[in-house]
Amino acid sequence: MMVPPEPGLSYKSVAANPYAWPFDGQWSSADTALLLLGLQQCAVDALQAREAVLAARDLLLLAHEHGIAIYVARREARPEKLASDDHVAPAAWQWARDIALPEDAHIITHAGDNAFYQTGLENSLRSAGIRNLLIAGLPTDGLVHATQRTANDMGFECLAIADACAGTTPARHAAQLRITTFGNGLFGAVADLAAVRAALTPS
């Protein structure tokens, strides 16, 4: 049986681009959340993104093991749209088959390309004392970037996990991550799963 981590356990800085994350070197299980975006089977299939989903799954397991809160945002499936799109079945709007959410995951339902828009996500994060966000999901050049930009504007310290995201094309994925790092991290920082794992591993 896994022994739960001590509340508020602090971690090492993550080797990220363009700066070691977070900017002040301070993050812990008490003030950090993992935000998973758009990990629904229809998006996985459309983007052929199973590799990114597997990385997101590993990130989810790692965060949960360390007592980091899990927030998961999903697009709502509008009945009228499903009725008009023969190629999209209701089952396709379910979570990606490779993702098993823990019972204590916080689930946010939203429309459009921003998980903060007209949802209770900001209030939920602030009420929990969250100031740092690990962000992963689909697509990089849509829901992920729009949500991260908003989070950054709200004052959250954001880290996009590159290999746990996928774009509408590999080129757009790479371009969006470059934009994230403009101006010494205008919209936050970028790292890979290995860097997060290393930061969470005791010295």
N, C-alpha and C. Protein backbone atom coordinates (compact mmCIF):
# COMPACT_ATOMS: atom_id res chain seq x y z
N MET A 1 0.84 -1.19 0.00
CA MET A 1 0.00 0.00 0.00
C MET A 1 0.88 1.25 0.00
N MET A 2 0.55 2.18 -0.90
CA MET A 2 1.33 3.41 -1.00
C MET A 2 1.06 4.30 0.20
N VAL A 3 2.12 4.81 0.81
CA VAL A 3 1.98 5.73 1.93
C VAL A 3 1.77 7.13 1.39
N PRO A 4 0.68 7.82 1.74
CA PRO A 4 0.45 9.17 1.22
C PRO A 4 1.58 10.11 1.62
N PRO A 5 1.96 11.03 0.73
CA PRO A 5 3.01 12.00 1.05
C PRO A 5 2.56 12.95 2.14
N GLU A 6 3.52 13.54 2.82
CA GLU A 6 3.20 14.51 3.84
C GLU A 6 2.56 15.74 3.19
N PRO A 7 1.55 16.33 3.84
CA PRO A 7 0.92 17.53 3.29
C PRO A 7 1.94 18.65 3.10
N GLY A 8 1.86 19.31 1.93
CA GLY A 8 2.73 20.45 1.70
C GLY A 8 4.18 20.11 1.43
N LEU A 9 4.48 18.88 1.03
CA LEU A 9 5.85 18.48 0.75
C LEU A 9 6.41 19.33 -0.39
N SER A 10 7.58 19.94 -0.18
CA SER A 10 8.19 20.82 -1.19
C SER A 10 9.07 20.03 -2.14
N TYR A 11 9.21 20.56 -3.37
CA TYR A 11 9.96 19.86 -4.41
C TYR A 11 11.06 20.74 -4.99
N LYS A 12 11.98 20.08 -5.70
CA LYS A 12 13.04 20.80 -6.39
C LYS A 12 12.49 21.53 -7.61
N SER A 13 13.21 22.54 -8.06
CA SER A 13 12.81 23.25 -9.28
C SER A 13 12.86 22.30 -10.47
N VAL A 14 11.97 22.55 -11.43
CA VAL A 14 11.93 21.76 -12.66
C VAL A 14 12.82 22.40 -13.70
N ALA A 15 13.67 21.61 -14.34
CA ALA A 15 14.50 22.11 -15.44
C ALA A 15 13.59 22.37 -16.64
N ALA A 16 13.29 23.63 -16.90
CA ALA A 16 12.30 24.00 -17.91
C ALA A 16 12.87 25.10 -18.81
N ASN A 17 12.14 25.39 -19.87
CA ASN A 17 12.49 26.45 -20.81
C ASN A 17 11.41 27.53 -20.73
N PRO A 18 11.74 28.81 -20.55
CA PRO A 18 13.07 29.42 -20.58
C PRO A 18 13.68 29.66 -19.19
N TYR A 19 13.06 29.14 -18.13
CA TYR A 19 13.60 29.34 -16.79
C TYR A 19 13.27 28.12 -15.94
N ALA A 20 14.04 27.93 -14.88
CA ALA A 20 13.74 26.86 -13.94
C ALA A 20 12.40 27.17 -13.28
N TRP A 21 11.50 26.20 -13.33
CA TRP A 21 10.13 26.41 -12.87
C TRP A 21 9.94 25.85 -11.47
N PRO A 22 9.14 26.55 -10.62
CA PRO A 22 8.53 27.87 -10.86
C PRO A 22 9.54 28.99 -10.72
N PHE A 23 9.15 30.19 -11.10
CA PHE A 23 10.11 31.30 -11.17
C PHE A 23 10.74 31.60 -9.83
N ASP A 24 10.00 31.35 -8.72
CA ASP A 24 10.53 31.63 -7.39
C ASP A 24 11.09 30.39 -6.71
N GLY A 25 11.09 29.26 -7.42
CA GLY A 25 11.64 28.02 -6.87
C GLY A 25 10.80 27.38 -5.80
N GLN A 26 9.57 27.87 -5.59
CA GLN A 26 8.74 27.38 -4.50
C GLN A 26 7.50 26.66 -5.05
N TRP A 27 7.44 25.33 -4.87
CA TRP A 27 6.21 24.61 -5.19
C TRP A 27 6.12 23.37 -4.32
N SER A 28 4.91 22.99 -4.03
CA SER A 28 4.68 21.87 -3.13
C SER A 28 3.34 21.23 -3.46
N SER A 29 3.08 20.11 -2.81
CA SER A 29 1.79 19.44 -3.03
C SER A 29 0.63 20.25 -2.47
N ALA A 30 0.92 21.24 -1.64
CA ALA A 30 -0.14 22.07 -1.05
C ALA A 30 -0.58 23.19 -1.98
N ASP A 31 0.31 23.64 -2.88
CA ASP A 31 -0.03 24.81 -3.70
C ASP A 31 0.05 24.55 -5.19
N THR A 32 0.10 23.28 -5.57
CA THR A 32 0.25 22.90 -6.98
C THR A 32 -0.86 21.96 -7.40
N ALA A 33 -1.33 22.13 -8.63
CA ALA A 33 -2.33 21.22 -9.19
C ALA A 33 -1.90 20.80 -10.59
N LEU A 34 -2.32 19.61 -10.98
CA LEU A 34 -2.19 19.14 -12.36
C LEU A 34 -3.51 19.43 -13.05
N LEU A 35 -3.44 20.14 -14.19
CA LEU A 35 -4.62 20.46 -14.98
C LEU A 35 -4.54 19.71 -16.30
N LEU A 36 -5.43 18.73 -16.47
CA LEU A 36 -5.51 17.94 -17.69
C LEU A 36 -6.64 18.47 -18.55
N LEU A 37 -6.36 18.68 -19.83
CA LEU A 37 -7.30 19.35 -20.72
C LEU A 37 -7.62 18.50 -21.96
N GLY A 38 -8.89 18.32 -22.23
CA GLY A 38 -9.32 17.75 -23.51
C GLY A 38 -8.95 16.30 -23.75
N LEU A 39 -8.70 15.54 -22.72
CA LEU A 39 -8.29 14.15 -22.91
C LEU A 39 -9.53 13.26 -23.09
N GLN A 40 -10.23 13.52 -24.18
CA GLN A 40 -11.42 12.75 -24.54
C GLN A 40 -11.11 11.94 -25.80
N GLN A 41 -11.76 10.81 -25.93
CA GLN A 41 -11.37 9.87 -26.97
C GLN A 41 -11.51 10.44 -28.37
N CYS A 42 -12.51 11.31 -28.58
CA CYS A 42 -12.66 11.89 -29.92
C CYS A 42 -11.45 12.73 -30.29
N ALA A 43 -10.89 13.48 -29.34
CA ALA A 43 -9.70 14.29 -29.61
C ALA A 43 -8.48 13.41 -29.83
N VAL A 44 -8.37 12.36 -29.03
CA VAL A 44 -7.23 11.44 -29.17
C VAL A 44 -7.24 10.82 -30.57
N ASP A 45 -8.40 10.38 -31.01
CA ASP A 45 -8.51 9.75 -32.32
C ASP A 45 -8.24 10.75 -33.44
N ALA A 46 -8.82 11.95 -33.33
CA ALA A 46 -8.66 12.95 -34.39
C ALA A 46 -7.22 13.40 -34.54
N LEU A 47 -6.51 13.50 -33.43
CA LEU A 47 -5.13 13.99 -33.46
C LEU A 47 -4.10 12.87 -33.50
N GLN A 48 -4.57 11.63 -33.45
CA GLN A 48 -3.65 10.48 -33.38
C GLN A 48 -2.62 10.72 -32.27
N ALA A 49 -3.17 10.98 -31.09
CA ALA A 49 -2.36 11.49 -29.98
C ALA A 49 -2.17 10.50 -28.84
N ARG A 50 -2.21 9.21 -29.13
CA ARG A 50 -2.12 8.24 -28.03
C ARG A 50 -0.79 8.36 -27.28
N GLU A 51 0.29 8.66 -27.97
CA GLU A 51 1.59 8.78 -27.30
C GLU A 51 1.55 9.90 -26.25
N ALA A 52 0.96 11.03 -26.60
CA ALA A 52 0.84 12.13 -25.64
C ALA A 52 -0.08 11.74 -24.49
N VAL A 53 -1.14 11.00 -24.78
CA VAL A 53 -2.06 10.57 -23.74
C VAL A 53 -1.37 9.63 -22.76
N LEU A 54 -0.53 8.75 -23.26
CA LEU A 54 0.21 7.85 -22.37
C LEU A 54 1.15 8.65 -21.46
N ALA A 55 1.77 9.70 -22.00
CA ALA A 55 2.61 10.56 -21.16
C ALA A 55 1.75 11.29 -20.13
N ALA A 56 0.57 11.75 -20.55
CA ALA A 56 -0.34 12.41 -19.61
C ALA A 56 -0.79 11.45 -18.52
N ARG A 57 -1.01 10.19 -18.90
CA ARG A 57 -1.38 9.18 -17.90
C ARG A 57 -0.27 9.01 -16.88
N ASP A 58 0.97 8.94 -17.34
CA ASP A 58 2.09 8.79 -16.42
C ASP A 58 2.23 10.02 -15.53
N LEU A 59 1.99 11.19 -16.10
CA LEU A 59 2.02 12.42 -15.32
C LEU A 59 0.93 12.42 -14.25
N LEU A 60 -0.25 11.96 -14.63
CA LEU A 60 -1.36 11.85 -13.70
C LEU A 60 -1.01 10.93 -12.53
N LEU A 61 -0.46 9.77 -12.84
CA LEU A 61 -0.08 8.82 -11.80
C LEU A 61 0.99 9.40 -10.89
N LEU A 62 1.95 10.11 -11.49
CA LEU A 62 3.04 10.71 -10.72
C LEU A 62 2.50 11.80 -9.79
N ALA A 63 1.63 12.65 -10.32
CA ALA A 63 1.06 13.72 -9.50
C ALA A 63 0.23 13.15 -8.35
N HIS A 64 -0.57 12.16 -8.66
CA HIS A 64 -1.42 11.57 -7.63
C HIS A 64 -0.58 10.89 -6.55
N GLU A 65 0.50 10.25 -6.95
CA GLU A 65 1.39 9.60 -6.00
C GLU A 65 1.98 10.60 -5.01
N HIS A 66 2.20 11.82 -5.48
CA HIS A 66 2.82 12.85 -4.65
C HIS A 66 1.81 13.78 -3.99
N GLY A 67 0.55 13.44 -4.06
CA GLY A 67 -0.46 14.22 -3.38
C GLY A 67 -0.81 15.54 -4.03
N ILE A 68 -0.49 15.68 -5.31
CA ILE A 68 -0.81 16.89 -6.06
C ILE A 68 -2.25 16.80 -6.56
N ALA A 69 -3.02 17.84 -6.35
CA ALA A 69 -4.43 17.84 -6.73
C ALA A 69 -4.58 17.69 -8.25
N ILE A 70 -5.62 16.96 -8.66
CA ILE A 70 -5.88 16.70 -10.06
C ILE A 70 -7.15 17.43 -10.48
N TYR A 71 -7.02 18.28 -11.49
CA TYR A 71 -8.17 18.95 -12.09
C TYR A 71 -8.24 18.52 -13.55
N VAL A 72 -9.44 18.13 -14.00
CA VAL A 72 -9.61 17.62 -15.35
C VAL A 72 -10.73 18.38 -16.03
N ALA A 73 -10.43 18.97 -17.16
CA ALA A 73 -11.42 19.75 -17.91
C ALA A 73 -11.84 18.98 -19.15
N ARG A 74 -13.14 18.91 -19.37
CA ARG A 74 -13.65 18.22 -20.55
C ARG A 74 -14.63 19.12 -21.29
N ARG A 75 -14.63 19.02 -22.60
CA ARG A 75 -15.62 19.74 -23.40
C ARG A 75 -16.97 19.07 -23.22
N GLU A 76 -18.00 19.88 -23.20
CA GLU A 76 -19.34 19.32 -23.12
C GLU A 76 -19.78 18.88 -24.51
N ALA A 77 -20.47 17.76 -24.56
CA ALA A 77 -20.98 17.24 -25.82
C ALA A 77 -22.40 17.75 -26.01
N ARG A 78 -22.59 18.69 -26.91
CA ARG A 78 -23.92 19.24 -27.13
C ARG A 78 -24.75 18.25 -27.94
N PRO A 79 -25.92 17.89 -27.46
CA PRO A 79 -26.76 16.92 -28.18
C PRO A 79 -27.03 17.33 -29.62
N GLU A 80 -27.25 18.66 -29.86
CA GLU A 80 -27.57 19.08 -31.22
C GLU A 80 -26.39 18.90 -32.16
N LYS A 81 -25.17 19.06 -31.63
CA LYS A 81 -23.99 18.87 -32.47
C LYS A 81 -23.78 17.39 -32.75
N LEU A 82 -23.96 16.56 -31.73
CA LEU A 82 -23.80 15.13 -31.94
C LEU A 82 -24.81 14.63 -32.97
N ALA A 83 -26.01 15.21 -32.97
CA ALA A 83 -27.03 14.77 -33.91
C ALA A 83 -26.67 15.16 -35.34
N SER A 84 -25.90 16.27 -35.47
CA SER A 84 -25.56 16.74 -36.82
C SER A 84 -24.27 16.16 -37.35
N ASP A 85 -23.48 15.52 -36.50
CA ASP A 85 -22.20 14.95 -36.90
C ASP A 85 -22.26 13.44 -36.80
N ASP A 86 -22.48 12.79 -37.93
CA ASP A 86 -22.61 11.33 -37.91
C ASP A 86 -21.33 10.64 -37.46
N HIS A 87 -20.18 11.31 -37.65
CA HIS A 87 -18.91 10.65 -37.33
C HIS A 87 -18.54 10.79 -35.86
N VAL A 88 -19.31 11.55 -35.08
CA VAL A 88 -19.02 11.71 -33.65
C VAL A 88 -20.13 11.04 -32.84
N ALA A 89 -19.80 9.95 -32.18
CA ALA A 89 -20.77 9.26 -31.34
C ALA A 89 -20.61 9.71 -29.90
N PRO A 90 -21.68 9.64 -29.09
CA PRO A 90 -21.57 10.09 -27.70
C PRO A 90 -20.42 9.43 -26.94
N ALA A 91 -20.14 8.17 -27.23
CA ALA A 91 -19.05 7.49 -26.52
C ALA A 91 -17.70 8.15 -26.78
N ALA A 92 -17.57 8.80 -27.92
CA ALA A 92 -16.30 9.43 -28.27
C ALA A 92 -15.98 10.63 -27.38
N TRP A 93 -17.01 11.17 -26.70
CA TRP A 93 -16.78 12.30 -25.82
C TRP A 93 -16.33 11.86 -24.44
N GLN A 94 -16.25 10.58 -24.22
CA GLN A 94 -15.82 10.07 -22.92
C GLN A 94 -14.31 10.27 -22.76
N TRP A 95 -13.82 10.04 -21.54
CA TRP A 95 -12.38 10.15 -21.29
C TRP A 95 -11.60 9.20 -22.20
N ALA A 96 -10.39 9.58 -22.51
CA ALA A 96 -9.52 8.70 -23.29
C ALA A 96 -9.43 7.34 -22.61
N ARG A 97 -9.43 6.30 -23.41
CA ARG A 97 -9.45 4.95 -22.87
C ARG A 97 -8.25 4.64 -21.98
N ASP A 98 -7.14 5.32 -22.22
CA ASP A 98 -5.93 5.06 -21.43
C ASP A 98 -5.90 5.82 -20.10
N ILE A 99 -6.88 6.67 -19.87
CA ILE A 99 -6.90 7.51 -18.67
C ILE A 99 -7.90 6.97 -17.66
N ALA A 100 -7.41 6.70 -16.45
CA ALA A 100 -8.29 6.32 -15.34
C ALA A 100 -8.14 7.39 -14.27
N LEU A 101 -9.18 8.16 -14.05
CA LEU A 101 -9.11 9.26 -13.11
C LEU A 101 -9.27 8.77 -11.68
N PRO A 102 -8.51 9.33 -10.75
CA PRO A 102 -8.71 9.01 -9.33
C PRO A 102 -10.06 9.55 -8.86
N GLU A 103 -10.57 8.95 -7.82
CA GLU A 103 -11.89 9.35 -7.33
C GLU A 103 -11.93 10.79 -6.84
N ASP A 104 -10.79 11.31 -6.41
CA ASP A 104 -10.78 12.68 -5.88
C ASP A 104 -10.44 13.73 -6.94
N ALA A 105 -10.44 13.35 -8.21
CA ALA A 105 -10.18 14.33 -9.27
C ALA A 105 -11.32 15.34 -9.34
N HIS A 106 -10.96 16.61 -9.57
CA HIS A 106 -11.94 17.67 -9.74
C HIS A 106 -12.26 17.79 -11.23
N ILE A 107 -13.51 17.63 -11.62
CA ILE A 107 -13.90 17.63 -13.03
C ILE A 107 -14.63 18.92 -13.37
N ILE A 108 -14.13 19.58 -14.42
CA ILE A 108 -14.70 20.83 -14.91
C ILE A 108 -15.25 20.58 -16.31
N THR A 109 -16.49 20.94 -16.54
CA THR A 109 -17.08 20.82 -17.87
C THR A 109 -17.19 22.21 -18.49
N HIS A 110 -16.77 22.34 -19.74
CA HIS A 110 -16.73 23.66 -20.38
C HIS A 110 -17.08 23.54 -21.85
N ALA A 111 -17.35 24.68 -22.45
CA ALA A 111 -17.54 24.77 -23.90
C ALA A 111 -16.41 25.61 -24.47
N GLY A 112 -16.05 25.35 -25.71
CA GLY A 112 -15.04 26.17 -26.34
C GLY A 112 -13.62 25.80 -25.96
N ASP A 113 -12.70 26.73 -26.23
CA ASP A 113 -11.28 26.46 -26.10
C ASP A 113 -10.63 27.08 -24.88
N ASN A 114 -11.39 27.27 -23.81
CA ASN A 114 -10.81 27.84 -22.60
C ASN A 114 -11.54 27.24 -21.40
N ALA A 115 -10.81 26.49 -20.60
CA ALA A 115 -11.43 25.79 -19.47
C ALA A 115 -11.84 26.74 -18.35
N PHE A 116 -11.39 28.00 -18.40
CA PHE A 116 -11.78 28.98 -17.38
C PHE A 116 -13.07 29.72 -17.74
N TYR A 117 -13.41 29.74 -19.02
CA TYR A 117 -14.52 30.58 -19.47
C TYR A 117 -15.86 30.03 -18.98
N GLN A 118 -16.55 30.84 -18.17
CA GLN A 118 -17.87 30.51 -17.64
C GLN A 118 -17.88 29.17 -16.89
N THR A 119 -16.80 28.91 -16.17
CA THR A 119 -16.74 27.72 -15.30
C THR A 119 -16.28 28.16 -13.91
N GLY A 120 -16.30 27.24 -12.99
CA GLY A 120 -15.84 27.55 -11.63
C GLY A 120 -14.40 27.18 -11.39
N LEU A 121 -13.62 26.99 -12.46
CA LEU A 121 -12.25 26.51 -12.31
C LEU A 121 -11.39 27.47 -11.48
N GLU A 122 -11.42 28.75 -11.81
CA GLU A 122 -10.58 29.70 -11.07
C GLU A 122 -10.93 29.70 -9.58
N ASN A 123 -12.19 29.78 -9.26
CA ASN A 123 -12.60 29.80 -7.86
C ASN A 123 -12.19 28.52 -7.14
N SER A 124 -12.32 27.40 -7.83
CA SER A 124 -11.95 26.12 -7.22
C SER A 124 -10.46 26.07 -6.91
N LEU A 125 -9.65 26.54 -7.84
CA LEU A 125 -8.20 26.54 -7.63
C LEU A 125 -7.81 27.48 -6.50
N ARG A 126 -8.36 28.68 -6.51
CA ARG A 126 -8.00 29.65 -5.48
C ARG A 126 -8.48 29.20 -4.10
N SER A 127 -9.65 28.60 -4.03
CA SER A 127 -10.17 28.12 -2.75
C SER A 127 -9.28 27.03 -2.17
N ALA A 128 -8.63 26.29 -3.05
CA ALA A 128 -7.74 25.20 -2.60
C ALA A 128 -6.32 25.69 -2.32
N GLY A 129 -6.06 26.99 -2.52
CA GLY A 129 -4.73 27.53 -2.28
C GLY A 129 -3.72 27.21 -3.37
N ILE A 130 -4.22 26.92 -4.58
CA ILE A 130 -3.33 26.57 -5.69
C ILE A 130 -2.77 27.83 -6.34
N ARG A 131 -1.46 27.84 -6.57
CA ARG A 131 -0.85 28.95 -7.31
C ARG A 131 0.03 28.47 -8.46
N ASN A 132 0.36 27.18 -8.47
CA ASN A 132 1.19 26.60 -9.52
C ASN A 132 0.39 25.54 -10.28
N LEU A 133 0.53 25.55 -11.62
CA LEU A 133 -0.21 24.60 -12.44
C LEU A 133 0.72 23.84 -13.39
N LEU A 134 0.64 22.52 -13.34
CA LEU A 134 1.21 21.65 -14.36
C LEU A 134 0.11 21.41 -15.37
N ILE A 135 0.38 21.66 -16.66
CA ILE A 135 -0.68 21.63 -17.66
C ILE A 135 -0.34 20.64 -18.77
N ALA A 136 -1.32 19.81 -19.13
CA ALA A 136 -1.15 18.84 -20.21
C ALA A 136 -2.48 18.64 -20.90
N GLY A 137 -2.45 18.20 -22.16
CA GLY A 137 -3.71 17.91 -22.82
C GLY A 137 -3.69 18.12 -24.32
N LEU A 138 -4.90 18.24 -24.88
CA LEU A 138 -5.12 18.29 -26.32
C LEU A 138 -6.14 19.37 -26.68
N PRO A 139 -5.94 20.06 -27.82
CA PRO A 139 -4.69 20.17 -28.55
C PRO A 139 -3.83 21.30 -28.00
N THR A 140 -2.56 21.22 -28.24
CA THR A 140 -1.64 22.26 -27.75
C THR A 140 -2.02 23.63 -28.31
N ASP A 141 -2.33 23.65 -29.61
CA ASP A 141 -2.62 24.91 -30.29
C ASP A 141 -4.11 25.24 -30.25
N GLY A 142 -4.74 24.99 -29.12
CA GLY A 142 -6.15 25.31 -28.94
C GLY A 142 -6.45 25.40 -27.47
N LEU A 143 -7.07 24.38 -26.96
CA LEU A 143 -7.50 24.36 -25.57
C LEU A 143 -6.34 24.55 -24.60
N VAL A 144 -5.22 23.88 -24.84
CA VAL A 144 -4.09 23.96 -23.91
C VAL A 144 -3.55 25.38 -23.83
N HIS A 145 -3.23 25.96 -24.99
CA HIS A 145 -2.60 27.29 -24.97
C HIS A 145 -3.58 28.36 -24.48
N ALA A 146 -4.83 28.30 -24.93
CA ALA A 146 -5.80 29.31 -24.51
C ALA A 146 -6.02 29.27 -23.00
N THR A 147 -6.09 28.07 -22.46
CA THR A 147 -6.29 27.93 -21.01
C THR A 147 -5.06 28.38 -20.25
N GLN A 148 -3.87 28.03 -20.75
CA GLN A 148 -2.65 28.43 -20.06
C GLN A 148 -2.47 29.95 -20.10
N ARG A 149 -2.78 30.58 -21.22
CA ARG A 149 -2.67 32.04 -21.29
C ARG A 149 -3.59 32.70 -20.27
N THR A 150 -4.80 32.19 -20.16
CA THR A 150 -5.75 32.76 -19.19
C THR A 150 -5.25 32.55 -17.77
N ALA A 151 -4.76 31.34 -17.49
CA ALA A 151 -4.24 31.05 -16.15
C ALA A 151 -3.08 31.98 -15.81
N ASN A 152 -2.21 32.21 -16.78
CA ASN A 152 -1.07 33.11 -16.56
C ASN A 152 -1.55 34.53 -16.27
N ASP A 153 -2.55 34.99 -17.03
CA ASP A 153 -3.10 36.33 -16.80
C ASP A 153 -3.73 36.45 -15.42
N MET A 154 -4.24 35.34 -14.91
CA MET A 154 -4.86 35.32 -13.58
C MET A 154 -3.83 35.24 -12.46
N GLY A 155 -2.56 35.07 -12.82
CA GLY A 155 -1.51 35.04 -11.82
C GLY A 155 -1.03 33.67 -11.41
N PHE A 156 -1.52 32.62 -12.08
CA PHE A 156 -1.01 31.28 -11.80
C PHE A 156 0.34 31.08 -12.49
N GLU A 157 1.23 30.35 -11.86
CA GLU A 157 2.53 30.02 -12.43
C GLU A 157 2.39 28.70 -13.17
N CYS A 158 2.54 28.75 -14.50
CA CYS A 158 2.16 27.62 -15.36
C CYS A 158 3.36 26.93 -16.00
N LEU A 159 3.26 25.61 -16.06
CA LEU A 159 4.25 24.79 -16.73
C LEU A 159 3.55 23.82 -17.66
N ALA A 160 3.77 23.98 -18.97
CA ALA A 160 3.23 23.04 -19.95
C ALA A 160 4.16 21.84 -20.07
N ILE A 161 3.59 20.65 -20.01
CA ILE A 161 4.38 19.43 -20.13
C ILE A 161 4.34 19.00 -21.59
N ALA A 162 5.42 19.25 -22.32
CA ALA A 162 5.41 19.17 -23.78
C ALA A 162 5.02 17.80 -24.32
N ASP A 163 5.60 16.74 -23.77
CA ASP A 163 5.32 15.41 -24.32
C ASP A 163 3.99 14.84 -23.83
N ALA A 164 3.31 15.55 -22.95
CA ALA A 164 1.96 15.15 -22.52
C ALA A 164 0.91 16.03 -23.20
N CYS A 165 1.32 16.69 -24.27
CA CYS A 165 0.42 17.49 -25.10
C CYS A 165 0.62 17.06 -26.56
N ALA A 166 -0.35 17.36 -27.40
CA ALA A 166 -0.22 17.13 -28.84
C ALA A 166 -1.05 18.18 -29.55
N GLY A 167 -0.53 18.64 -30.70
CA GLY A 167 -1.22 19.67 -31.45
C GLY A 167 -1.99 19.09 -32.63
N THR A 168 -2.65 19.99 -33.37
CA THR A 168 -3.36 19.55 -34.56
C THR A 168 -2.39 19.07 -35.63
N THR A 169 -1.14 19.55 -35.57
CA THR A 169 -0.03 19.00 -36.35
C THR A 169 1.22 19.11 -35.48
N PRO A 170 2.24 18.31 -35.75
CA PRO A 170 3.49 18.44 -34.98
C PRO A 170 4.08 19.84 -35.08
N ALA A 171 3.99 20.46 -36.26
CA ALA A 171 4.55 21.81 -36.43
C ALA A 171 3.81 22.83 -35.57
N ARG A 172 2.49 22.73 -35.51
CA ARG A 172 1.72 23.65 -34.69
C ARG A 172 1.96 23.42 -33.21
N HIS A 173 2.13 22.18 -32.83
CA HIS A 173 2.48 21.85 -31.44
C HIS A 173 3.77 22.55 -31.05
N ALA A 174 4.81 22.38 -31.89
CA ALA A 174 6.11 22.98 -31.59
C ALA A 174 6.02 24.51 -31.60
N ALA A 175 5.30 25.06 -32.56
CA ALA A 175 5.19 26.52 -32.65
C ALA A 175 4.48 27.09 -31.43
N GLN A 176 3.43 26.41 -30.97
CA GLN A 176 2.69 26.93 -29.82
C GLN A 176 3.52 26.90 -28.55
N LEU A 177 4.34 25.86 -28.41
CA LEU A 177 5.21 25.80 -27.24
C LEU A 177 6.28 26.88 -27.30
N ARG A 178 6.76 27.21 -28.51
CA ARG A 178 7.71 28.32 -28.65
C ARG A 178 7.06 29.63 -28.24
N ILE A 179 5.82 29.85 -28.65
CA ILE A 179 5.11 31.07 -28.29
C ILE A 179 4.96 31.18 -26.78
N THR A 180 4.73 30.06 -26.13
CA THR A 180 4.59 30.04 -24.67
C THR A 180 5.82 30.62 -23.99
N THR A 181 6.98 30.38 -24.56
CA THR A 181 8.23 30.79 -23.91
C THR A 181 8.72 32.17 -24.36
N PHE A 182 8.01 32.83 -25.28
CA PHE A 182 8.44 34.15 -25.74
C PHE A 182 8.59 35.11 -24.55
N GLY A 183 9.50 36.07 -24.72
CA GLY A 183 9.66 37.11 -23.71
C GLY A 183 10.04 36.57 -22.35
N ASN A 184 10.93 35.57 -22.35
CA ASN A 184 11.38 34.95 -21.10
C ASN A 184 10.24 34.31 -20.32
N GLY A 185 9.33 33.70 -21.08
CA GLY A 185 8.23 32.99 -20.43
C GLY A 185 6.98 33.83 -20.29
N LEU A 186 6.59 34.48 -21.40
CA LEU A 186 5.43 35.37 -21.37
C LEU A 186 4.18 34.66 -20.87
N PHE A 187 4.03 33.39 -21.28
CA PHE A 187 2.84 32.64 -20.88
C PHE A 187 3.18 31.45 -19.98
N GLY A 188 4.40 31.45 -19.43
CA GLY A 188 4.81 30.36 -18.57
C GLY A 188 6.04 29.66 -19.11
N ALA A 189 6.25 28.45 -18.65
CA ALA A 189 7.43 27.68 -19.04
C ALA A 189 7.00 26.35 -19.63
N VAL A 190 7.98 25.64 -20.22
CA VAL A 190 7.74 24.35 -20.87
C VAL A 190 8.79 23.36 -20.42
N ALA A 191 8.38 22.14 -20.11
CA ALA A 191 9.31 21.08 -19.73
C ALA A 191 8.73 19.76 -20.22
N ASP A 192 9.50 18.69 -20.09
CA ASP A 192 8.97 17.38 -20.43
C ASP A 192 8.71 16.58 -19.16
N LEU A 193 8.07 15.45 -19.32
CA LEU A 193 7.69 14.63 -18.20
C LEU A 193 8.91 14.20 -17.37
N ALA A 194 10.01 13.88 -18.06
CA ALA A 194 11.21 13.43 -17.36
C ALA A 194 11.72 14.49 -16.39
N ALA A 195 11.62 15.77 -16.79
CA ALA A 195 12.09 16.85 -15.92
C ALA A 195 11.22 16.98 -14.68
N VAL A 196 9.91 16.80 -14.84
CA VAL A 196 9.01 16.85 -13.70
C VAL A 196 9.29 15.68 -12.77
N ARG A 197 9.47 14.51 -13.36
CA ARG A 197 9.77 13.32 -12.55
C ARG A 197 11.06 13.51 -11.75
N ALA A 198 12.07 14.09 -12.40
CA ALA A 198 13.34 14.32 -11.71
C ALA A 198 13.18 15.29 -10.55
N ALA A 199 12.35 16.32 -10.74
CA ALA A 199 12.14 17.30 -9.66
C ALA A 199 11.40 16.68 -8.48
N LEU A 200 10.58 15.69 -8.74
CA LEU A 200 9.81 15.05 -7.68
C LEU A 200 10.56 13.89 -7.02
N THR A 201 11.72 13.54 -7.57
CA THR A 201 12.51 12.45 -7.01
C THR A 201 13.43 12.98 -5.92
N PRO A 202 13.38 12.40 -4.72
CA PRO A 202 14.25 12.87 -3.63
C PRO A 202 15.72 12.78 -4.01
N SER A 203 16.49 13.74 -3.56
CA SER A 203 17.93 13.75 -3.86
C SER A 203 18.63 12.59 -3.19
